[in-house]
Amino acid sequence: MKGKFLIIIIIVWIIWKLIEHYLVPYFVVPILWLGLSLLLLIVLIMQLFKLIKERKASTKLRFLKILTFAILFYLTLYRWTFDKVIEKIDWHLLYDKRMEIVDQVKNDKLKSNVSWNNWICKLPYEFPIVSHGGNDIGISKDKEKVTITFFVFRNFFSAPSTKFIYTTHEEDIRYFEEQVAKNPTNNWKLQTNWYRILSE
């Protein structure tokens, strides 16, 4: 395994994380996370055994391999580290598209449109992916007041999901401000009417 191959592994890992974040259904992500974590751990252990075996003739490349696989294992196992980077980039890149959606909801061009839920609106396009888990958004509308939920990371069962939420509802604003005050590590105000919230 040459140094160029390590660069290819890093690039493939980054591409995989982006695909996982945007395209893989949210209920499959934990299985893939576990599988990739185990694979990287096994490769890391193999590299450590090779280092011990050739300890007198160890090369810089061997140490570089161990360091690379250790970092990739850590970033995979503790996924939120890398996911927060994707989240920040995603917020800035797709802000205008999300504001376009907010305007469409305010003008009644987008409404809840699935038979199994009166809150979910499946967006009429696949790309760009502005909401994880199938481009579904949540819409709560009361006359001129709206709350629109975009999923950043959509979980299942009782695990928390990360969301970008736009709201003009005073009650919701108070609630999100309380969430920000209680847990500023995971919840914060992005800008006027926009919040990043981690909740069930």
N, C-alpha and C. Protein backbone atom coordinates (compact mmCIF):
# COMPACT_ATOMS: atom_id res chain seq x y z
N MET A 1 0.86 -1.18 0.00
CA MET A 1 0.00 0.00 0.00
C MET A 1 0.90 1.24 0.00
N LYS A 2 0.93 1.93 -1.11
CA LYS A 2 1.77 3.10 -1.27
C LYS A 2 1.07 4.35 -0.74
N GLY A 3 1.84 5.45 -0.67
CA GLY A 3 1.30 6.71 -0.19
C GLY A 3 0.14 7.21 -1.04
N LYS A 4 0.21 7.01 -2.37
CA LYS A 4 -0.88 7.45 -3.26
C LYS A 4 -2.16 6.69 -2.95
N PHE A 5 -2.02 5.42 -2.59
CA PHE A 5 -3.20 4.62 -2.26
C PHE A 5 -3.88 5.16 -1.01
N LEU A 6 -3.10 5.66 -0.05
CA LEU A 6 -3.67 6.28 1.15
C LEU A 6 -4.49 7.51 0.79
N ILE A 7 -3.99 8.30 -0.15
CA ILE A 7 -4.72 9.49 -0.60
C ILE A 7 -6.04 9.07 -1.24
N ILE A 8 -6.01 8.01 -2.04
CA ILE A 8 -7.22 7.49 -2.68
C ILE A 8 -8.21 7.03 -1.61
N ILE A 9 -7.72 6.35 -0.57
CA ILE A 9 -8.59 5.89 0.52
C ILE A 9 -9.27 7.07 1.21
N ILE A 10 -8.51 8.13 1.46
CA ILE A 10 -9.07 9.33 2.11
C ILE A 10 -10.14 9.96 1.22
N ILE A 11 -9.86 10.09 -0.08
CA ILE A 11 -10.83 10.68 -1.02
C ILE A 11 -12.09 9.82 -1.08
N VAL A 12 -11.93 8.50 -1.18
CA VAL A 12 -13.08 7.59 -1.22
C VAL A 12 -13.89 7.71 0.07
N TRP A 13 -13.21 7.83 1.21
CA TRP A 13 -13.90 7.96 2.50
C TRP A 13 -14.74 9.24 2.53
N ILE A 14 -14.17 10.34 2.05
CA ILE A 14 -14.89 11.62 2.03
C ILE A 14 -16.11 11.52 1.10
N ILE A 15 -15.92 10.95 -0.09
CA ILE A 15 -17.05 10.78 -1.02
C ILE A 15 -18.11 9.89 -0.38
N TRP A 16 -17.68 8.81 0.28
CA TRP A 16 -18.63 7.92 0.95
C TRP A 16 -19.43 8.67 2.00
N LYS A 17 -18.76 9.50 2.82
CA LYS A 17 -19.46 10.25 3.87
C LYS A 17 -20.49 11.21 3.27
N LEU A 18 -20.16 11.83 2.14
CA LEU A 18 -21.11 12.73 1.49
C LEU A 18 -22.31 11.95 0.94
N ILE A 19 -22.05 10.81 0.31
CA ILE A 19 -23.13 9.97 -0.20
C ILE A 19 -24.01 9.50 0.96
N GLU A 20 -23.36 9.06 2.04
CA GLU A 20 -24.10 8.59 3.22
C GLU A 20 -24.97 9.72 3.78
N HIS A 21 -24.42 10.91 3.84
CA HIS A 21 -25.13 12.05 4.43
C HIS A 21 -26.35 12.45 3.60
N TYR A 22 -26.19 12.45 2.28
CA TYR A 22 -27.25 12.97 1.43
C TYR A 22 -28.16 11.93 0.79
N LEU A 23 -27.64 10.76 0.46
CA LEU A 23 -28.40 9.84 -0.37
C LEU A 23 -28.87 8.55 0.32
N VAL A 24 -28.17 8.13 1.35
CA VAL A 24 -28.52 6.86 1.99
C VAL A 24 -29.74 7.08 2.90
N PRO A 25 -30.75 6.21 2.80
CA PRO A 25 -31.92 6.35 3.69
C PRO A 25 -31.50 6.31 5.16
N TYR A 26 -32.13 7.16 5.95
CA TYR A 26 -31.72 7.34 7.34
C TYR A 26 -31.78 6.07 8.17
N PHE A 27 -32.63 5.12 7.83
CA PHE A 27 -32.71 3.89 8.62
C PHE A 27 -31.59 2.90 8.27
N VAL A 28 -30.86 3.14 7.17
CA VAL A 28 -29.74 2.28 6.77
C VAL A 28 -28.42 2.79 7.35
N VAL A 29 -28.35 4.10 7.63
CA VAL A 29 -27.11 4.74 8.08
C VAL A 29 -26.47 4.04 9.28
N PRO A 30 -27.21 3.66 10.33
CA PRO A 30 -26.55 3.01 11.47
C PRO A 30 -25.86 1.69 11.11
N ILE A 31 -26.45 0.93 10.20
CA ILE A 31 -25.85 -0.33 9.79
C ILE A 31 -24.54 -0.07 9.04
N LEU A 32 -24.57 0.89 8.12
CA LEU A 32 -23.36 1.24 7.37
C LEU A 32 -22.30 1.84 8.28
N TRP A 33 -22.73 2.66 9.23
CA TRP A 33 -21.80 3.25 10.20
C TRP A 33 -21.07 2.16 10.98
N LEU A 34 -21.81 1.19 11.46
CA LEU A 34 -21.22 0.09 12.22
C LEU A 34 -20.27 -0.73 11.34
N GLY A 35 -20.70 -1.04 10.12
CA GLY A 35 -19.87 -1.82 9.20
C GLY A 35 -18.57 -1.12 8.86
N LEU A 36 -18.64 0.17 8.52
CA LEU A 36 -17.44 0.92 8.16
C LEU A 36 -16.52 1.08 9.37
N SER A 37 -17.09 1.32 10.54
CA SER A 37 -16.28 1.44 11.77
C SER A 37 -15.51 0.15 12.03
N LEU A 38 -16.20 -0.98 11.92
CA LEU A 38 -15.54 -2.28 12.14
C LEU A 38 -14.46 -2.54 11.10
N LEU A 39 -14.75 -2.24 9.85
CA LEU A 39 -13.76 -2.43 8.78
C LEU A 39 -12.50 -1.62 9.05
N LEU A 40 -12.67 -0.35 9.38
CA LEU A 40 -11.51 0.51 9.65
C LEU A 40 -10.75 0.05 10.89
N LEU A 41 -11.46 -0.44 11.89
CA LEU A 41 -10.81 -0.95 13.10
C LEU A 41 -9.98 -2.19 12.77
N ILE A 42 -10.52 -3.07 11.96
CA ILE A 42 -9.78 -4.29 11.57
C ILE A 42 -8.53 -3.92 10.80
N VAL A 43 -8.65 -3.00 9.83
CA VAL A 43 -7.48 -2.56 9.06
C VAL A 43 -6.45 -1.91 9.97
N LEU A 44 -6.90 -1.10 10.92
CA LEU A 44 -5.99 -0.45 11.86
C LEU A 44 -5.25 -1.48 12.71
N ILE A 45 -5.96 -2.49 13.20
CA ILE A 45 -5.33 -3.55 14.00
C ILE A 45 -4.32 -4.32 13.16
N MET A 46 -4.67 -4.60 11.90
CA MET A 46 -3.73 -5.29 11.00
C MET A 46 -2.46 -4.47 10.81
N GLN A 47 -2.63 -3.17 10.64
CA GLN A 47 -1.46 -2.29 10.47
C GLN A 47 -0.61 -2.25 11.73
N LEU A 48 -1.25 -2.28 12.89
CA LEU A 48 -0.50 -2.30 14.16
C LEU A 48 0.29 -3.61 14.30
N PHE A 49 -0.33 -4.74 13.92
CA PHE A 49 0.39 -6.02 13.96
C PHE A 49 1.59 -6.01 13.02
N LYS A 50 1.42 -5.43 11.83
CA LYS A 50 2.54 -5.33 10.88
C LYS A 50 3.65 -4.46 11.45
N LEU A 51 3.27 -3.38 12.14
CA LEU A 51 4.27 -2.51 12.77
C LEU A 51 5.06 -3.27 13.82
N ILE A 52 4.37 -4.05 14.65
CA ILE A 52 5.04 -4.84 15.69
C ILE A 52 5.95 -5.89 15.06
N LYS A 53 5.46 -6.53 14.01
CA LYS A 53 6.22 -7.58 13.33
C LYS A 53 7.50 -7.04 12.71
N GLU A 54 7.44 -5.87 12.14
CA GLU A 54 8.62 -5.29 11.47
C GLU A 54 9.18 -4.09 12.24
N ARG A 55 9.09 -4.16 13.58
CA ARG A 55 9.46 -3.01 14.41
C ARG A 55 10.88 -2.51 14.19
N LYS A 56 11.80 -3.39 13.84
CA LYS A 56 13.18 -2.94 13.63
C LYS A 56 13.36 -2.30 12.27
N ALA A 57 12.48 -2.62 11.34
CA ALA A 57 12.60 -2.08 9.99
C ALA A 57 11.37 -1.26 9.61
N SER A 58 10.73 -0.66 10.58
CA SER A 58 9.52 0.12 10.31
C SER A 58 9.84 1.33 9.45
N THR A 59 8.90 1.66 8.59
CA THR A 59 9.09 2.80 7.70
C THR A 59 8.13 3.93 8.09
N LYS A 60 8.41 5.09 7.54
CA LYS A 60 7.52 6.23 7.76
C LYS A 60 6.14 5.94 7.18
N LEU A 61 6.13 5.19 6.07
CA LEU A 61 4.86 4.85 5.44
C LEU A 61 3.98 4.02 6.36
N ARG A 62 4.59 3.10 7.12
CA ARG A 62 3.81 2.27 8.06
C ARG A 62 3.16 3.16 9.12
N PHE A 63 3.93 4.11 9.66
CA PHE A 63 3.37 5.03 10.66
C PHE A 63 2.27 5.91 10.05
N LEU A 64 2.47 6.31 8.79
CA LEU A 64 1.48 7.11 8.10
C LEU A 64 0.18 6.32 7.89
N LYS A 65 0.31 5.04 7.57
CA LYS A 65 -0.87 4.18 7.41
C LYS A 65 -1.64 4.07 8.72
N ILE A 66 -0.91 3.84 9.80
CA ILE A 66 -1.55 3.71 11.12
C ILE A 66 -2.26 5.01 11.48
N LEU A 67 -1.57 6.12 11.28
CA LEU A 67 -2.16 7.43 11.59
C LEU A 67 -3.41 7.68 10.74
N THR A 68 -3.33 7.39 9.44
CA THR A 68 -4.47 7.59 8.54
C THR A 68 -5.66 6.75 8.96
N PHE A 69 -5.45 5.45 9.19
CA PHE A 69 -6.57 4.58 9.55
C PHE A 69 -7.11 4.90 10.95
N ALA A 70 -6.24 5.35 11.84
CA ALA A 70 -6.70 5.75 13.18
C ALA A 70 -7.60 6.98 13.09
N ILE A 71 -7.20 7.95 12.27
CA ILE A 71 -8.01 9.18 12.11
C ILE A 71 -9.34 8.85 11.43
N LEU A 72 -9.29 8.03 10.35
CA LEU A 72 -10.53 7.67 9.66
C LEU A 72 -11.46 6.86 10.57
N PHE A 73 -10.88 5.97 11.38
CA PHE A 73 -11.69 5.21 12.33
C PHE A 73 -12.34 6.14 13.34
N TYR A 74 -11.58 7.07 13.89
CA TYR A 74 -12.13 8.03 14.87
C TYR A 74 -13.25 8.87 14.24
N LEU A 75 -13.00 9.41 13.04
CA LEU A 75 -13.99 10.26 12.38
C LEU A 75 -15.24 9.48 11.97
N THR A 76 -15.09 8.18 11.74
CA THR A 76 -16.24 7.35 11.40
C THR A 76 -17.01 6.98 12.67
N LEU A 77 -16.29 6.55 13.70
CA LEU A 77 -16.93 6.14 14.94
C LEU A 77 -17.64 7.32 15.61
N TYR A 78 -16.97 8.45 15.67
CA TYR A 78 -17.55 9.67 16.24
C TYR A 78 -17.98 10.58 15.10
N ARG A 79 -19.00 10.13 14.39
CA ARG A 79 -19.43 10.70 13.13
C ARG A 79 -19.79 12.18 13.19
N TRP A 80 -20.26 12.67 14.35
CA TRP A 80 -20.69 14.06 14.45
C TRP A 80 -19.56 15.04 14.19
N THR A 81 -18.31 14.60 14.37
CA THR A 81 -17.16 15.48 14.13
C THR A 81 -17.15 15.93 12.66
N PHE A 82 -17.21 14.98 11.76
CA PHE A 82 -17.19 15.28 10.32
C PHE A 82 -18.55 15.79 9.85
N ASP A 83 -19.62 15.27 10.44
CA ASP A 83 -20.97 15.69 10.05
C ASP A 83 -21.19 17.18 10.30
N LYS A 84 -20.58 17.72 11.34
CA LYS A 84 -20.74 19.16 11.63
C LYS A 84 -20.08 20.00 10.54
N VAL A 85 -18.99 19.49 9.96
CA VAL A 85 -18.33 20.20 8.85
C VAL A 85 -19.27 20.20 7.64
N ILE A 86 -19.84 19.03 7.32
CA ILE A 86 -20.78 18.93 6.20
C ILE A 86 -21.98 19.85 6.46
N GLU A 87 -22.46 19.85 7.69
CA GLU A 87 -23.62 20.67 8.06
C GLU A 87 -23.37 22.15 7.82
N LYS A 88 -22.20 22.65 8.21
CA LYS A 88 -21.87 24.07 8.03
C LYS A 88 -21.80 24.44 6.55
N ILE A 89 -21.15 23.57 5.78
CA ILE A 89 -21.05 23.82 4.33
C ILE A 89 -22.44 23.78 3.71
N ASP A 90 -23.23 22.77 4.09
CA ASP A 90 -24.59 22.60 3.58
C ASP A 90 -25.44 23.83 3.88
N TRP A 91 -25.35 24.36 5.08
CA TRP A 91 -26.14 25.55 5.47
C TRP A 91 -25.86 26.70 4.52
N HIS A 92 -24.59 26.96 4.25
CA HIS A 92 -24.23 28.10 3.40
C HIS A 92 -24.55 27.85 1.92
N LEU A 93 -24.28 26.65 1.43
CA LEU A 93 -24.51 26.35 0.02
C LEU A 93 -25.99 26.33 -0.36
N LEU A 94 -26.83 25.82 0.55
CA LEU A 94 -28.24 25.63 0.21
C LEU A 94 -29.18 26.64 0.87
N TYR A 95 -28.61 27.68 1.46
CA TYR A 95 -29.44 28.69 2.13
C TYR A 95 -30.45 29.32 1.16
N ASP A 96 -30.00 29.75 0.00
CA ASP A 96 -30.90 30.41 -0.96
C ASP A 96 -32.02 29.48 -1.41
N LYS A 97 -31.69 28.21 -1.64
CA LYS A 97 -32.71 27.25 -2.06
C LYS A 97 -33.73 27.05 -0.94
N ARG A 98 -33.27 26.99 0.31
CA ARG A 98 -34.21 26.85 1.43
C ARG A 98 -35.10 28.09 1.57
N MET A 99 -34.54 29.26 1.34
CA MET A 99 -35.35 30.48 1.40
C MET A 99 -36.39 30.50 0.29
N GLU A 100 -36.04 29.96 -0.86
CA GLU A 100 -36.99 29.82 -1.97
C GLU A 100 -38.18 28.94 -1.53
N ILE A 101 -37.86 27.84 -0.83
CA ILE A 101 -38.89 26.93 -0.33
C ILE A 101 -39.76 27.63 0.72
N VAL A 102 -39.12 28.41 1.60
CA VAL A 102 -39.88 29.17 2.61
C VAL A 102 -40.88 30.08 1.92
N ASP A 103 -40.45 30.78 0.88
CA ASP A 103 -41.36 31.68 0.14
C ASP A 103 -42.50 30.89 -0.51
N GLN A 104 -42.20 29.71 -1.05
CA GLN A 104 -43.24 28.89 -1.67
C GLN A 104 -44.27 28.42 -0.64
N VAL A 105 -43.80 28.09 0.58
CA VAL A 105 -44.72 27.69 1.64
C VAL A 105 -45.59 28.87 2.05
N LYS A 106 -44.97 30.03 2.22
CA LYS A 106 -45.73 31.23 2.61
C LYS A 106 -46.79 31.58 1.57
N ASN A 107 -46.50 31.33 0.29
CA ASN A 107 -47.43 31.65 -0.80
C ASN A 107 -48.33 30.47 -1.16
N ASP A 108 -48.37 29.46 -0.29
CA ASP A 108 -49.22 28.28 -0.48
C ASP A 108 -48.92 27.47 -1.74
N LYS A 109 -47.71 27.59 -2.26
CA LYS A 109 -47.32 26.77 -3.41
C LYS A 109 -46.85 25.39 -2.96
N LEU A 110 -46.42 25.29 -1.71
CA LEU A 110 -46.02 24.00 -1.12
C LEU A 110 -46.83 23.77 0.14
N LYS A 111 -47.42 22.59 0.24
CA LYS A 111 -48.21 22.20 1.42
C LYS A 111 -47.90 20.74 1.73
N SER A 112 -48.36 20.28 2.90
CA SER A 112 -48.17 18.86 3.20
C SER A 112 -48.88 18.07 2.10
N ASN A 113 -48.20 17.01 1.62
CA ASN A 113 -48.72 16.32 0.44
C ASN A 113 -48.57 14.80 0.48
N VAL A 114 -48.42 14.25 1.68
CA VAL A 114 -48.34 12.79 1.77
C VAL A 114 -49.57 12.28 2.52
N SER A 115 -50.00 11.08 2.16
CA SER A 115 -51.23 10.55 2.75
C SER A 115 -51.04 10.09 4.19
N TRP A 116 -49.81 9.75 4.56
CA TRP A 116 -49.56 9.15 5.87
C TRP A 116 -49.23 10.18 6.95
N ASN A 117 -49.19 11.48 6.60
CA ASN A 117 -48.84 12.48 7.60
C ASN A 117 -49.32 13.85 7.12
N ASN A 118 -49.94 14.63 8.00
CA ASN A 118 -50.43 15.94 7.58
C ASN A 118 -49.43 17.07 7.84
N TRP A 119 -48.22 16.70 8.16
CA TRP A 119 -47.16 17.67 8.45
C TRP A 119 -46.06 17.64 7.39
N ILE A 120 -45.85 16.49 6.78
CA ILE A 120 -44.75 16.29 5.84
C ILE A 120 -45.12 16.76 4.44
N CYS A 121 -44.16 17.41 3.80
CA CYS A 121 -44.28 17.79 2.39
C CYS A 121 -43.09 17.17 1.66
N LYS A 122 -43.36 16.31 0.72
CA LYS A 122 -42.30 15.73 -0.11
C LYS A 122 -42.06 16.72 -1.23
N LEU A 123 -40.84 17.24 -1.29
CA LEU A 123 -40.52 18.23 -2.32
C LEU A 123 -40.61 17.60 -3.70
N PRO A 124 -41.02 18.36 -4.70
CA PRO A 124 -41.26 17.79 -6.03
C PRO A 124 -40.00 17.54 -6.86
N TYR A 125 -38.86 17.46 -6.22
CA TYR A 125 -37.61 17.18 -6.95
C TYR A 125 -36.66 16.39 -6.07
N GLU A 126 -35.73 15.70 -6.71
CA GLU A 126 -34.73 14.89 -5.99
C GLU A 126 -33.50 15.73 -5.61
N PHE A 127 -33.08 16.63 -6.50
CA PHE A 127 -31.87 17.42 -6.28
C PHE A 127 -32.18 18.89 -6.44
N PRO A 128 -31.57 19.77 -5.72
CA PRO A 128 -30.61 19.49 -4.65
C PRO A 128 -31.32 18.92 -3.42
N ILE A 129 -30.56 18.22 -2.64
CA ILE A 129 -31.09 17.62 -1.42
C ILE A 129 -31.01 18.67 -0.32
N VAL A 130 -32.15 19.26 0.00
CA VAL A 130 -32.19 20.31 1.02
C VAL A 130 -32.66 19.78 2.36
N SER A 131 -33.13 18.52 2.37
CA SER A 131 -33.61 17.91 3.60
C SER A 131 -33.31 16.41 3.57
N HIS A 132 -32.51 15.96 4.52
CA HIS A 132 -32.07 14.57 4.59
C HIS A 132 -33.26 13.63 4.72
N GLY A 133 -33.12 12.46 4.13
CA GLY A 133 -34.16 11.45 4.28
C GLY A 133 -35.24 11.54 3.21
N GLY A 134 -34.88 11.94 1.99
CA GLY A 134 -35.85 11.92 0.91
C GLY A 134 -36.42 13.27 0.52
N ASN A 135 -35.77 14.34 0.92
CA ASN A 135 -36.24 15.69 0.62
C ASN A 135 -37.65 15.95 1.14
N ASP A 136 -37.92 15.42 2.34
CA ASP A 136 -39.17 15.70 3.05
C ASP A 136 -38.93 16.89 3.97
N ILE A 137 -39.87 17.81 4.01
CA ILE A 137 -39.80 18.91 4.96
C ILE A 137 -41.06 18.87 5.81
N GLY A 138 -41.00 19.48 6.97
CA GLY A 138 -42.18 19.59 7.83
C GLY A 138 -42.75 20.99 7.74
N ILE A 139 -44.06 21.08 7.59
CA ILE A 139 -44.71 22.39 7.47
C ILE A 139 -45.81 22.53 8.52
N SER A 140 -45.71 23.58 9.33
CA SER A 140 -46.80 23.97 10.23
C SER A 140 -47.17 25.39 9.85
N LYS A 141 -48.43 25.59 9.46
CA LYS A 141 -48.83 26.92 9.01
C LYS A 141 -50.15 27.31 9.67
N ASP A 142 -50.17 28.54 10.18
CA ASP A 142 -51.37 29.09 10.80
C ASP A 142 -51.53 30.51 10.28
N LYS A 143 -52.34 30.67 9.25
CA LYS A 143 -52.53 31.96 8.57
C LYS A 143 -51.19 32.44 8.03
N GLU A 144 -50.66 33.53 8.59
CA GLU A 144 -49.39 34.08 8.09
C GLU A 144 -48.16 33.53 8.82
N LYS A 145 -48.39 32.77 9.89
CA LYS A 145 -47.28 32.24 10.70
C LYS A 145 -46.90 30.85 10.19
N VAL A 146 -45.60 30.64 9.97
CA VAL A 146 -45.13 29.34 9.48
C VAL A 146 -43.95 28.83 10.30
N THR A 147 -43.86 27.51 10.36
CA THR A 147 -42.67 26.85 10.87
C THR A 147 -42.35 25.75 9.86
N ILE A 148 -41.13 25.81 9.32
CA ILE A 148 -40.71 24.85 8.29
C ILE A 148 -39.46 24.14 8.79
N THR A 149 -39.51 22.81 8.77
CA THR A 149 -38.42 22.00 9.28
C THR A 149 -37.70 21.32 8.12
N PHE A 150 -36.38 21.54 8.06
CA PHE A 150 -35.51 20.86 7.10
C PHE A 150 -34.64 19.91 7.91
N PHE A 151 -34.61 18.65 7.55
CA PHE A 151 -33.80 17.68 8.29
C PHE A 151 -32.35 17.73 7.83
N VAL A 152 -31.45 17.93 8.78
CA VAL A 152 -30.02 17.89 8.49
C VAL A 152 -29.55 16.45 8.64
N PHE A 153 -29.94 15.83 9.73
CA PHE A 153 -29.71 14.40 9.93
C PHE A 153 -30.99 13.85 10.53
N ARG A 154 -31.63 12.97 9.79
CA ARG A 154 -32.92 12.43 10.21
C ARG A 154 -32.71 11.05 10.81
N ASN A 155 -33.07 10.91 12.06
CA ASN A 155 -32.90 9.64 12.74
C ASN A 155 -34.23 8.91 12.79
N PHE A 156 -34.22 7.77 13.40
CA PHE A 156 -35.44 6.98 13.51
C PHE A 156 -35.61 6.48 14.93
N PHE A 157 -36.74 5.88 15.22
CA PHE A 157 -37.14 5.46 16.56
C PHE A 157 -37.10 6.68 17.48
N SER A 158 -36.43 6.58 18.61
CA SER A 158 -36.44 7.71 19.53
C SER A 158 -35.12 8.46 19.55
N ALA A 159 -34.24 8.18 18.58
CA ALA A 159 -32.97 8.89 18.51
C ALA A 159 -33.22 10.32 18.01
N PRO A 160 -32.43 11.28 18.50
CA PRO A 160 -32.66 12.67 18.09
C PRO A 160 -32.27 12.94 16.64
N SER A 161 -32.96 13.88 16.03
CA SER A 161 -32.66 14.33 14.68
C SER A 161 -32.16 15.77 14.73
N THR A 162 -31.30 16.12 13.78
CA THR A 162 -30.80 17.48 13.67
C THR A 162 -31.60 18.17 12.58
N LYS A 163 -32.02 19.41 12.86
CA LYS A 163 -32.89 20.12 11.92
C LYS A 163 -32.48 21.59 11.80
N PHE A 164 -32.69 22.12 10.59
CA PHE A 164 -32.69 23.57 10.39
C PHE A 164 -34.16 23.95 10.38
N ILE A 165 -34.54 24.90 11.22
CA ILE A 165 -35.95 25.26 11.31
C ILE A 165 -36.11 26.76 11.09
N TYR A 166 -37.01 27.07 10.16
CA TYR A 166 -37.39 28.46 9.92
C TYR A 166 -38.76 28.66 10.57
N THR A 167 -38.91 29.71 11.36
CA THR A 167 -40.21 29.95 11.99
C THR A 167 -40.51 31.43 12.15
N THR A 168 -41.82 31.74 12.02
CA THR A 168 -42.31 33.08 12.35
C THR A 168 -43.34 33.00 13.47
N HIS A 169 -43.59 31.77 13.98
CA HIS A 169 -44.50 31.56 15.11
C HIS A 169 -43.83 32.04 16.39
N GLU A 170 -44.47 32.94 17.12
CA GLU A 170 -43.88 33.46 18.36
C GLU A 170 -43.67 32.34 19.39
N GLU A 171 -44.63 31.43 19.50
CA GLU A 171 -44.50 30.32 20.46
C GLU A 171 -43.31 29.44 20.13
N ASP A 172 -43.17 29.13 18.85
CA ASP A 172 -42.03 28.30 18.42
C ASP A 172 -40.71 29.03 18.66
N ILE A 173 -40.69 30.31 18.37
CA ILE A 173 -39.47 31.10 18.59
C ILE A 173 -39.09 31.05 20.07
N ARG A 174 -40.07 31.23 20.97
CA ARG A 174 -39.79 31.15 22.41
C ARG A 174 -39.25 29.77 22.78
N TYR A 175 -39.89 28.73 22.24
CA TYR A 175 -39.47 27.36 22.54
C TYR A 175 -38.02 27.12 22.06
N PHE A 176 -37.71 27.56 20.82
CA PHE A 176 -36.36 27.33 20.30
C PHE A 176 -35.33 28.16 21.06
N GLU A 177 -35.70 29.36 21.47
CA GLU A 177 -34.79 30.17 22.28
C GLU A 177 -34.50 29.47 23.61
N GLU A 178 -35.52 28.83 24.19
CA GLU A 178 -35.31 28.06 25.43
C GLU A 178 -34.37 26.89 25.18
N GLN A 179 -34.55 26.21 24.04
CA GLN A 179 -33.68 25.09 23.69
C GLN A 179 -32.23 25.54 23.51
N VAL A 180 -32.06 26.69 22.90
CA VAL A 180 -30.72 27.26 22.71
C VAL A 180 -30.10 27.57 24.07
N ALA A 181 -30.88 28.16 24.98
CA ALA A 181 -30.37 28.50 26.32
C ALA A 181 -30.04 27.24 27.12
N LYS A 182 -30.88 26.20 27.01
CA LYS A 182 -30.65 24.95 27.77
C LYS A 182 -29.46 24.16 27.26
N ASN A 183 -29.30 24.11 25.93
CA ASN A 183 -28.27 23.25 25.34
C ASN A 183 -27.62 23.96 24.15
N PRO A 184 -26.79 24.97 24.43
CA PRO A 184 -26.18 25.73 23.33
C PRO A 184 -25.15 24.94 22.51
N THR A 185 -24.71 23.80 23.03
CA THR A 185 -23.76 22.97 22.29
C THR A 185 -24.43 22.35 21.07
N ASN A 186 -25.70 21.95 21.21
CA ASN A 186 -26.40 21.28 20.13
C ASN A 186 -27.49 22.11 19.47
N ASN A 187 -27.84 23.24 20.06
CA ASN A 187 -28.90 24.10 19.52
C ASN A 187 -28.39 25.53 19.46
N TRP A 188 -28.64 26.19 18.34
CA TRP A 188 -28.25 27.59 18.25
C TRP A 188 -29.08 28.31 17.19
N LYS A 189 -29.07 29.63 17.30
CA LYS A 189 -29.77 30.46 16.33
C LYS A 189 -28.82 30.70 15.17
N LEU A 190 -29.26 30.40 13.97
CA LEU A 190 -28.42 30.58 12.78
C LEU A 190 -28.46 32.02 12.31
N GLN A 191 -29.67 32.57 12.29
CA GLN A 191 -29.90 33.99 11.97
C GLN A 191 -31.36 34.27 12.25
N THR A 192 -31.85 35.44 11.90
CA THR A 192 -33.23 35.79 12.21
C THR A 192 -34.18 34.73 11.66
N ASN A 193 -35.02 34.20 12.53
CA ASN A 193 -36.04 33.19 12.22
C ASN A 193 -35.48 31.79 11.91
N TRP A 194 -34.20 31.61 11.93
CA TRP A 194 -33.59 30.30 11.61
C TRP A 194 -32.89 29.73 12.84
N TYR A 195 -33.15 28.44 13.11
CA TYR A 195 -32.53 27.74 14.24
C TYR A 195 -31.97 26.40 13.78
N ARG A 196 -30.94 26.00 14.46
CA ARG A 196 -30.39 24.65 14.30
C ARG A 196 -30.73 23.94 15.60
N ILE A 197 -31.55 22.88 15.52
CA ILE A 197 -32.07 22.22 16.72
C ILE A 197 -31.82 20.71 16.64
N LEU A 198 -31.38 20.15 17.76
CA LEU A 198 -31.25 18.70 17.90
C LEU A 198 -32.36 18.25 18.82
N SER A 199 -33.29 17.45 18.30
CA SER A 199 -34.43 17.03 19.12
C SER A 199 -35.02 15.74 18.59
N GLU A 200 -35.89 15.13 19.41
CA GLU A 200 -36.57 13.89 18.99
C GLU A 200 -37.73 14.21 18.09
